[in-house]
Amino acid sequence: MTLCPCGSEQNYSNCCEPAHTGTIPSKTAEALMRSRYCAYVKHQISYLGESLHPDHRQDWDEEETKGWADTSEWQSLEILSTQGGQEKDDEGIVEFAATYKENNKLNRHHEISRFQKIDNKWYYVEGSTPKPTTVRNETPKVGRNEPCPCGSGKKYKKCCS
């Protein structure tokens, strides 16, 4: 009994393996995302090509994908959000973060992936890196010559700046 690397808490034989062997296709966009991550872990490189949308296969480099899978130690998958992509939908979006080690360095691959269902089968269409969000301070910025907010009585520039 081996837990599936996709993080579903199910056995691999009941979770992603049926998709990898082609016996049962993924029922949702999220399930396809999980099975694609698991394919990297289990070195099911041909599955990554098969689950890629037919219109985008000409750009796919199987050897490069195999190299990345082979040189990486896959740690975990975190599904951050999903939009659509259920059994009755034809399109879906899954935002995820995959953590892996490469050359003894811990990395995080964060992507927003688009999926499409054709003839009752889900395909990975494309992925993009999320745009960074702007962080705004809730309180006004303290000026250098204003009293320090810590209450010391000193000017901010001489205290906590």
N, C-alpha and C. Protein backbone atom coordinates (compact mmCIF):
# COMPACT_ATOMS: atom_id res chain seq x y z
N MET A 1 0.85 -1.17 0.00
CA MET A 1 0.00 0.00 0.00
C MET A 1 0.90 1.24 0.00
N THR A 2 0.89 1.98 -1.10
CA THR A 2 1.70 3.17 -1.25
C THR A 2 0.80 4.38 -1.44
N LEU A 3 0.99 5.40 -0.59
CA LEU A 3 0.20 6.62 -0.75
C LEU A 3 0.62 7.32 -2.03
N CYS A 4 -0.35 7.92 -2.67
CA CYS A 4 -0.09 8.63 -3.92
C CYS A 4 0.71 9.90 -3.62
N PRO A 5 1.74 10.17 -4.39
CA PRO A 5 2.55 11.37 -4.18
C PRO A 5 1.81 12.68 -4.41
N CYS A 6 0.63 12.63 -5.01
CA CYS A 6 -0.11 13.87 -5.32
C CYS A 6 -0.71 14.53 -4.10
N GLY A 7 -0.65 13.88 -2.93
CA GLY A 7 -1.15 14.48 -1.70
C GLY A 7 -2.62 14.21 -1.43
N SER A 8 -3.25 13.34 -2.18
CA SER A 8 -4.68 13.07 -2.01
C SER A 8 -5.00 12.20 -0.80
N GLU A 9 -3.96 11.60 -0.18
CA GLU A 9 -4.13 10.66 0.94
C GLU A 9 -4.76 9.34 0.50
N GLN A 10 -4.80 9.07 -0.79
CA GLN A 10 -5.31 7.80 -1.31
C GLN A 10 -4.12 6.93 -1.75
N ASN A 11 -4.40 5.66 -1.96
CA ASN A 11 -3.37 4.76 -2.50
C ASN A 11 -3.09 5.14 -3.95
N TYR A 12 -1.84 5.04 -4.35
CA TYR A 12 -1.46 5.34 -5.73
C TYR A 12 -2.27 4.50 -6.72
N SER A 13 -2.51 3.23 -6.39
CA SER A 13 -3.24 2.34 -7.29
C SER A 13 -4.69 2.77 -7.50
N ASN A 14 -5.26 3.51 -6.55
CA ASN A 14 -6.64 3.99 -6.67
C ASN A 14 -6.73 5.44 -7.08
N CYS A 15 -5.60 6.14 -7.14
CA CYS A 15 -5.62 7.57 -7.38
C CYS A 15 -5.07 7.90 -8.78
N CYS A 16 -3.78 8.09 -8.91
CA CYS A 16 -3.18 8.54 -10.17
C CYS A 16 -2.73 7.42 -11.11
N GLU A 17 -2.50 6.24 -10.56
CA GLU A 17 -2.03 5.15 -11.42
C GLU A 17 -3.01 4.81 -12.55
N PRO A 18 -4.33 4.76 -12.31
CA PRO A 18 -5.25 4.48 -13.42
C PRO A 18 -5.15 5.50 -14.55
N ALA A 19 -4.90 6.76 -14.21
CA ALA A 19 -4.71 7.78 -15.25
C ALA A 19 -3.41 7.53 -16.00
N HIS A 20 -2.35 7.19 -15.27
CA HIS A 20 -1.04 6.93 -15.89
C HIS A 20 -1.09 5.74 -16.84
N THR A 21 -1.85 4.71 -16.48
CA THR A 21 -1.92 3.51 -17.32
C THR A 21 -2.97 3.64 -18.42
N GLY A 22 -3.82 4.68 -18.34
CA GLY A 22 -4.84 4.89 -19.35
C GLY A 22 -6.11 4.11 -19.11
N THR A 23 -6.25 3.47 -17.96
CA THR A 23 -7.46 2.68 -17.70
C THR A 23 -8.65 3.55 -17.31
N ILE A 24 -8.40 4.63 -16.55
CA ILE A 24 -9.47 5.56 -16.16
C ILE A 24 -8.94 6.98 -16.32
N PRO A 25 -9.59 7.79 -17.16
CA PRO A 25 -9.11 9.17 -17.31
C PRO A 25 -9.45 10.02 -16.09
N SER A 26 -8.71 11.08 -15.89
CA SER A 26 -8.97 12.01 -14.78
C SER A 26 -10.35 12.63 -14.97
N LYS A 27 -11.12 12.69 -13.88
CA LYS A 27 -12.50 13.19 -13.97
C LYS A 27 -12.62 14.71 -13.87
N THR A 28 -11.60 15.36 -13.29
CA THR A 28 -11.64 16.81 -13.13
C THR A 28 -10.29 17.40 -13.52
N ALA A 29 -10.26 18.71 -13.70
CA ALA A 29 -9.00 19.39 -14.01
C ALA A 29 -8.02 19.24 -12.85
N GLU A 30 -8.50 19.32 -11.63
CA GLU A 30 -7.62 19.14 -10.47
C GLU A 30 -7.04 17.73 -10.44
N ALA A 31 -7.85 16.73 -10.75
CA ALA A 31 -7.35 15.35 -10.77
C ALA A 31 -6.27 15.20 -11.83
N LEU A 32 -6.45 15.85 -12.99
CA LEU A 32 -5.42 15.80 -14.02
C LEU A 32 -4.15 16.50 -13.54
N MET A 33 -4.31 17.63 -12.86
CA MET A 33 -3.14 18.35 -12.32
C MET A 33 -2.38 17.46 -11.36
N ARG A 34 -3.11 16.81 -10.46
CA ARG A 34 -2.48 15.90 -9.50
C ARG A 34 -1.78 14.75 -10.21
N SER A 35 -2.41 14.19 -11.23
CA SER A 35 -1.80 13.05 -11.94
C SER A 35 -0.56 13.49 -12.73
N ARG A 36 -0.55 14.73 -13.22
CA ARG A 36 0.63 15.24 -13.93
C ARG A 36 1.80 15.44 -12.95
N TYR A 37 1.52 15.99 -11.77
CA TYR A 37 2.57 16.12 -10.76
C TYR A 37 3.11 14.73 -10.41
N CYS A 38 2.20 13.82 -10.17
CA CYS A 38 2.57 12.45 -9.81
C CYS A 38 3.41 11.79 -10.92
N ALA A 39 3.14 12.14 -12.16
CA ALA A 39 3.91 11.59 -13.29
C ALA A 39 5.38 12.03 -13.21
N TYR A 40 5.63 13.24 -12.75
CA TYR A 40 7.02 13.68 -12.54
C TYR A 40 7.67 12.83 -11.44
N VAL A 41 6.95 12.60 -10.35
CA VAL A 41 7.49 11.83 -9.24
C VAL A 41 7.77 10.38 -9.67
N LYS A 42 6.83 9.79 -10.39
CA LYS A 42 6.93 8.37 -10.79
C LYS A 42 7.64 8.17 -12.13
N HIS A 43 8.14 9.26 -12.73
CA HIS A 43 8.86 9.22 -14.01
C HIS A 43 8.01 8.63 -15.14
N GLN A 44 6.74 9.02 -15.16
CA GLN A 44 5.81 8.62 -16.22
C GLN A 44 5.79 9.72 -17.28
N ILE A 45 6.92 9.92 -17.94
CA ILE A 45 7.12 11.05 -18.84
C ILE A 45 6.18 10.99 -20.04
N SER A 46 5.95 9.83 -20.59
CA SER A 46 5.06 9.73 -21.75
C SER A 46 3.64 10.20 -21.41
N TYR A 47 3.22 9.99 -20.15
CA TYR A 47 1.90 10.45 -19.71
C TYR A 47 1.81 11.97 -19.79
N LEU A 48 2.89 12.65 -19.48
CA LEU A 48 2.89 14.11 -19.54
C LEU A 48 2.64 14.59 -20.96
N GLY A 49 3.19 13.90 -21.93
CA GLY A 49 2.93 14.24 -23.33
C GLY A 49 1.51 13.90 -23.76
N GLU A 50 1.01 12.76 -23.30
CA GLU A 50 -0.34 12.33 -23.67
C GLU A 50 -1.42 13.23 -23.05
N SER A 51 -1.15 13.77 -21.87
CA SER A 51 -2.14 14.59 -21.19
C SER A 51 -2.03 16.07 -21.59
N LEU A 52 -1.09 16.38 -22.45
CA LEU A 52 -0.93 17.73 -22.98
C LEU A 52 -1.93 17.94 -24.11
N HIS A 53 -2.55 19.11 -24.16
CA HIS A 53 -3.53 19.42 -25.20
C HIS A 53 -2.91 19.19 -26.58
N PRO A 54 -3.63 18.52 -27.50
CA PRO A 54 -3.07 18.21 -28.82
C PRO A 54 -2.52 19.43 -29.58
N ASP A 55 -3.12 20.61 -29.39
CA ASP A 55 -2.65 21.80 -30.09
C ASP A 55 -1.32 22.32 -29.56
N HIS A 56 -0.86 21.82 -28.41
CA HIS A 56 0.36 22.33 -27.79
C HIS A 56 1.48 21.30 -27.74
N ARG A 57 1.31 20.17 -28.31
CA ARG A 57 2.32 19.12 -28.24
C ARG A 57 3.56 19.40 -29.08
N GLN A 58 3.43 20.22 -30.13
CA GLN A 58 4.57 20.48 -30.99
C GLN A 58 5.67 21.23 -30.24
N ASP A 59 5.34 21.97 -29.20
CA ASP A 59 6.32 22.73 -28.41
C ASP A 59 6.93 21.91 -27.28
N TRP A 60 6.38 20.74 -27.01
CA TRP A 60 6.80 19.95 -25.85
C TRP A 60 8.09 19.21 -26.15
N ASP A 61 9.05 19.28 -25.24
CA ASP A 61 10.33 18.60 -25.38
C ASP A 61 10.40 17.45 -24.37
N GLU A 62 10.21 16.25 -24.84
CA GLU A 62 10.16 15.09 -23.95
C GLU A 62 11.48 14.88 -23.22
N GLU A 63 12.60 15.05 -23.90
CA GLU A 63 13.91 14.85 -23.27
C GLU A 63 14.17 15.88 -22.17
N GLU A 64 13.81 17.13 -22.43
CA GLU A 64 13.99 18.18 -21.42
C GLU A 64 13.11 17.90 -20.21
N THR A 65 11.88 17.47 -20.45
CA THR A 65 10.95 17.14 -19.36
C THR A 65 11.50 15.97 -18.55
N LYS A 66 12.00 14.96 -19.23
CA LYS A 66 12.59 13.79 -18.56
C LYS A 66 13.79 14.21 -17.72
N GLY A 67 14.61 15.09 -18.26
CA GLY A 67 15.78 15.56 -17.52
C GLY A 67 15.39 16.28 -16.24
N TRP A 68 14.36 17.13 -16.32
CA TRP A 68 13.90 17.85 -15.13
C TRP A 68 13.35 16.87 -14.10
N ALA A 69 12.57 15.90 -14.56
CA ALA A 69 11.99 14.92 -13.63
C ALA A 69 13.08 14.08 -12.98
N ASP A 70 14.09 13.70 -13.76
CA ASP A 70 15.15 12.83 -13.25
C ASP A 70 16.09 13.54 -12.28
N THR A 71 16.34 14.83 -12.49
CA THR A 71 17.29 15.55 -11.64
C THR A 71 16.63 16.21 -10.44
N SER A 72 15.32 16.07 -10.32
CA SER A 72 14.60 16.70 -9.22
C SER A 72 14.08 15.66 -8.24
N GLU A 73 14.10 16.03 -6.99
CA GLU A 73 13.52 15.20 -5.94
C GLU A 73 12.22 15.89 -5.52
N TRP A 74 11.10 15.33 -5.94
CA TRP A 74 9.80 15.97 -5.75
C TRP A 74 9.33 15.80 -4.32
N GLN A 75 9.00 16.93 -3.68
CA GLN A 75 8.67 16.94 -2.26
C GLN A 75 7.17 16.93 -1.99
N SER A 76 6.43 17.88 -2.63
CA SER A 76 5.00 17.98 -2.31
C SER A 76 4.28 18.82 -3.36
N LEU A 77 2.97 18.64 -3.38
CA LEU A 77 2.09 19.41 -4.24
C LEU A 77 1.03 20.06 -3.36
N GLU A 78 0.80 21.35 -3.60
CA GLU A 78 -0.24 22.08 -2.87
C GLU A 78 -1.17 22.72 -3.89
N ILE A 79 -2.44 22.35 -3.86
CA ILE A 79 -3.44 22.97 -4.72
C ILE A 79 -3.90 24.24 -4.00
N LEU A 80 -3.68 25.40 -4.62
CA LEU A 80 -3.99 26.68 -3.99
C LEU A 80 -5.41 27.14 -4.30
N SER A 81 -5.88 26.89 -5.54
CA SER A 81 -7.25 27.26 -5.89
C SER A 81 -7.65 26.56 -7.18
N THR A 82 -8.95 26.44 -7.38
CA THR A 82 -9.49 25.89 -8.62
C THR A 82 -10.67 26.76 -9.05
N GLN A 83 -10.83 26.87 -10.36
CA GLN A 83 -11.99 27.55 -10.94
C GLN A 83 -12.54 26.65 -12.03
N GLY A 84 -13.78 26.26 -11.91
CA GLY A 84 -14.36 25.35 -12.89
C GLY A 84 -13.62 24.01 -12.83
N GLY A 85 -13.59 23.36 -13.98
CA GLY A 85 -12.84 22.11 -14.07
C GLY A 85 -13.49 20.90 -13.44
N GLN A 86 -14.79 21.00 -13.16
CA GLN A 86 -15.49 19.85 -12.58
C GLN A 86 -15.95 18.91 -13.70
N GLU A 87 -16.55 17.81 -13.33
CA GLU A 87 -16.94 16.79 -14.31
C GLU A 87 -17.84 17.33 -15.42
N LYS A 88 -18.72 18.28 -15.11
CA LYS A 88 -19.65 18.79 -16.12
C LYS A 88 -19.09 20.00 -16.88
N ASP A 89 -17.92 20.50 -16.47
CA ASP A 89 -17.32 21.66 -17.13
C ASP A 89 -16.48 21.23 -18.33
N ASP A 90 -16.20 22.18 -19.20
CA ASP A 90 -15.31 21.94 -20.34
C ASP A 90 -13.97 22.63 -20.19
N GLU A 91 -13.87 23.55 -19.24
CA GLU A 91 -12.62 24.26 -18.98
C GLU A 91 -12.43 24.41 -17.48
N GLY A 92 -11.17 24.53 -17.08
CA GLY A 92 -10.88 24.73 -15.68
C GLY A 92 -9.52 25.35 -15.48
N ILE A 93 -9.35 25.97 -14.33
CA ILE A 93 -8.07 26.58 -13.97
C ILE A 93 -7.69 26.06 -12.59
N VAL A 94 -6.42 25.66 -12.46
CA VAL A 94 -5.91 25.18 -11.19
C VAL A 94 -4.63 25.94 -10.87
N GLU A 95 -4.61 26.56 -9.71
CA GLU A 95 -3.38 27.21 -9.23
C GLU A 95 -2.73 26.26 -8.24
N PHE A 96 -1.46 26.00 -8.42
CA PHE A 96 -0.77 25.05 -7.56
C PHE A 96 0.66 25.50 -7.28
N ALA A 97 1.26 24.86 -6.29
CA ALA A 97 2.67 25.05 -5.98
C ALA A 97 3.27 23.67 -5.76
N ALA A 98 4.31 23.35 -6.52
CA ALA A 98 5.03 22.10 -6.37
C ALA A 98 6.40 22.40 -5.79
N THR A 99 6.76 21.69 -4.73
CA THR A 99 8.04 21.88 -4.09
C THR A 99 8.94 20.72 -4.49
N TYR A 100 10.18 21.05 -4.86
CA TYR A 100 11.13 20.02 -5.28
C TYR A 100 12.55 20.47 -4.96
N LYS A 101 13.45 19.50 -4.87
CA LYS A 101 14.86 19.77 -4.66
C LYS A 101 15.60 19.49 -5.95
N GLU A 102 16.46 20.43 -6.32
CA GLU A 102 17.29 20.25 -7.50
C GLU A 102 18.68 20.79 -7.15
N ASN A 103 19.70 19.96 -7.34
CA ASN A 103 21.07 20.33 -6.95
C ASN A 103 21.15 20.75 -5.49
N ASN A 104 20.51 20.00 -4.63
CA ASN A 104 20.47 20.25 -3.18
C ASN A 104 19.86 21.60 -2.81
N LYS A 105 19.10 22.20 -3.70
CA LYS A 105 18.44 23.47 -3.42
C LYS A 105 16.93 23.25 -3.48
N LEU A 106 16.24 23.72 -2.46
CA LEU A 106 14.78 23.60 -2.41
C LEU A 106 14.15 24.68 -3.28
N ASN A 107 13.27 24.28 -4.20
CA ASN A 107 12.60 25.19 -5.12
C ASN A 107 11.09 25.04 -5.00
N ARG A 108 10.40 26.08 -5.45
CA ARG A 108 8.94 26.05 -5.45
C ARG A 108 8.46 26.52 -6.83
N HIS A 109 7.76 25.63 -7.53
CA HIS A 109 7.19 25.97 -8.84
C HIS A 109 5.73 26.35 -8.63
N HIS A 110 5.42 27.64 -8.81
CA HIS A 110 4.07 28.16 -8.60
C HIS A 110 3.50 28.50 -9.96
N GLU A 111 2.34 27.94 -10.28
CA GLU A 111 1.77 28.10 -11.62
C GLU A 111 0.25 28.17 -11.56
N ILE A 112 -0.30 28.90 -12.51
CA ILE A 112 -1.75 28.88 -12.76
C ILE A 112 -1.93 28.16 -14.09
N SER A 113 -2.55 26.99 -14.04
CA SER A 113 -2.67 26.13 -15.22
C SER A 113 -4.09 26.14 -15.76
N ARG A 114 -4.17 26.11 -17.08
CA ARG A 114 -5.47 26.07 -17.76
C ARG A 114 -5.66 24.68 -18.37
N PHE A 115 -6.87 24.14 -18.20
CA PHE A 115 -7.21 22.81 -18.68
C PHE A 115 -8.45 22.88 -19.56
N GLN A 116 -8.55 21.93 -20.47
CA GLN A 116 -9.72 21.87 -21.36
C GLN A 116 -10.11 20.40 -21.53
N LYS A 117 -11.43 20.18 -21.57
CA LYS A 117 -11.93 18.82 -21.77
C LYS A 117 -12.39 18.68 -23.22
N ILE A 118 -11.88 17.65 -23.89
CA ILE A 118 -12.26 17.33 -25.27
C ILE A 118 -12.70 15.87 -25.29
N ASP A 119 -13.90 15.61 -25.81
CA ASP A 119 -14.43 14.24 -25.88
C ASP A 119 -14.33 13.52 -24.53
N ASN A 120 -14.75 14.21 -23.48
CA ASN A 120 -14.77 13.67 -22.12
C ASN A 120 -13.40 13.37 -21.52
N LYS A 121 -12.34 13.97 -22.06
CA LYS A 121 -11.00 13.76 -21.53
C LYS A 121 -10.34 15.12 -21.28
N TRP A 122 -9.79 15.28 -20.06
CA TRP A 122 -9.13 16.53 -19.67
C TRP A 122 -7.71 16.58 -20.23
N TYR A 123 -7.31 17.79 -20.65
CA TYR A 123 -5.96 18.04 -21.15
C TYR A 123 -5.40 19.30 -20.51
N TYR A 124 -4.09 19.29 -20.30
CA TYR A 124 -3.37 20.48 -19.85
C TYR A 124 -3.14 21.37 -21.06
N VAL A 125 -3.55 22.63 -21.00
CA VAL A 125 -3.41 23.55 -22.13
C VAL A 125 -2.15 24.39 -21.98
N GLU A 126 -2.07 25.14 -20.89
CA GLU A 126 -0.91 26.01 -20.68
C GLU A 126 -0.85 26.44 -19.23
N GLY A 127 0.32 26.95 -18.86
CA GLY A 127 0.49 27.46 -17.51
C GLY A 127 1.17 28.81 -17.54
N SER A 128 0.91 29.60 -16.51
CA SER A 128 1.55 30.90 -16.39
C SER A 128 1.95 31.14 -14.95
N THR A 129 2.96 31.97 -14.77
CA THR A 129 3.42 32.33 -13.44
C THR A 129 2.51 33.44 -12.90
N PRO A 130 2.02 33.29 -11.69
CA PRO A 130 1.16 34.34 -11.12
C PRO A 130 1.92 35.67 -11.01
N LYS A 131 1.21 36.74 -11.25
CA LYS A 131 1.79 38.07 -11.10
C LYS A 131 1.91 38.40 -9.61
N PRO A 132 3.00 39.04 -9.21
CA PRO A 132 3.13 39.41 -7.80
C PRO A 132 2.05 40.41 -7.40
N THR A 133 1.64 40.32 -6.16
CA THR A 133 0.62 41.25 -5.67
C THR A 133 1.29 42.42 -4.95
N THR A 134 0.69 43.57 -5.04
CA THR A 134 1.20 44.75 -4.36
C THR A 134 0.76 44.71 -2.90
N VAL A 135 1.72 44.94 -2.02
CA VAL A 135 1.42 44.97 -0.59
C VAL A 135 1.39 46.43 -0.16
N ARG A 136 0.30 46.83 0.42
CA ARG A 136 0.15 48.21 0.90
C ARG A 136 0.13 48.21 2.43
N ASN A 137 0.89 49.15 2.99
CA ASN A 137 0.90 49.30 4.44
C ASN A 137 -0.45 49.84 4.91
N GLU A 138 -0.93 49.31 6.02
CA GLU A 138 -2.21 49.76 6.55
C GLU A 138 -2.09 51.10 7.29
N THR A 139 -0.92 51.37 7.83
CA THR A 139 -0.70 52.62 8.54
C THR A 139 0.21 53.52 7.73
N PRO A 140 0.12 54.82 7.91
CA PRO A 140 1.00 55.72 7.17
C PRO A 140 2.47 55.48 7.54
N LYS A 141 3.34 55.76 6.61
CA LYS A 141 4.77 55.60 6.82
C LYS A 141 5.25 56.65 7.81
N VAL A 142 6.13 56.25 8.71
CA VAL A 142 6.67 57.16 9.70
C VAL A 142 7.82 57.94 9.06
N GLY A 143 7.80 59.25 9.18
CA GLY A 143 8.87 60.09 8.65
C GLY A 143 10.11 59.99 9.53
N ARG A 144 11.29 60.23 8.96
CA ARG A 144 12.55 60.13 9.67
C ARG A 144 12.63 61.04 10.89
N ASN A 145 12.04 62.22 10.80
CA ASN A 145 12.15 63.19 11.89
C ASN A 145 10.96 63.18 12.84
N GLU A 146 10.04 62.25 12.64
CA GLU A 146 8.88 62.14 13.53
C GLU A 146 9.24 61.30 14.75
N PRO A 147 8.45 61.44 15.82
CA PRO A 147 8.72 60.61 17.00
C PRO A 147 8.59 59.13 16.66
N CYS A 148 9.46 58.33 17.24
CA CYS A 148 9.45 56.88 16.97
C CYS A 148 8.17 56.26 17.52
N PRO A 149 7.49 55.39 16.74
CA PRO A 149 6.24 54.77 17.22
C PRO A 149 6.44 53.81 18.38
N CYS A 150 7.70 53.47 18.72
CA CYS A 150 7.92 52.54 19.83
C CYS A 150 7.70 53.21 21.18
N GLY A 151 7.63 54.58 21.18
CA GLY A 151 7.36 55.29 22.42
C GLY A 151 8.61 55.71 23.17
N SER A 152 9.78 55.61 22.59
CA SER A 152 11.02 55.96 23.27
C SER A 152 11.19 57.46 23.46
N GLY A 153 10.50 58.26 22.66
CA GLY A 153 10.65 59.69 22.72
C GLY A 153 11.73 60.21 21.77
N LYS A 154 12.48 59.32 21.16
CA LYS A 154 13.52 59.71 20.21
C LYS A 154 12.90 59.88 18.83
N LYS A 155 13.65 60.55 17.95
CA LYS A 155 13.24 60.64 16.55
C LYS A 155 13.37 59.23 15.94
N TYR A 156 12.49 58.93 14.99
CA TYR A 156 12.48 57.62 14.34
C TYR A 156 13.85 57.29 13.74
N LYS A 157 14.52 58.28 13.11
CA LYS A 157 15.81 58.03 12.45
C LYS A 157 16.90 57.64 13.44
N LYS A 158 16.76 58.01 14.71
CA LYS A 158 17.76 57.70 15.75
C LYS A 158 17.38 56.47 16.58
N CYS A 159 16.22 55.90 16.25
CA CYS A 159 15.74 54.80 17.10
C CYS A 159 15.53 53.52 16.29
N CYS A 160 14.38 53.32 15.75
CA CYS A 160 13.98 52.04 15.14
C CYS A 160 14.07 52.00 13.61
N SER A 161 14.61 53.03 12.96
CA SER A 161 14.61 53.03 11.50
C SER A 161 15.56 52.03 10.93
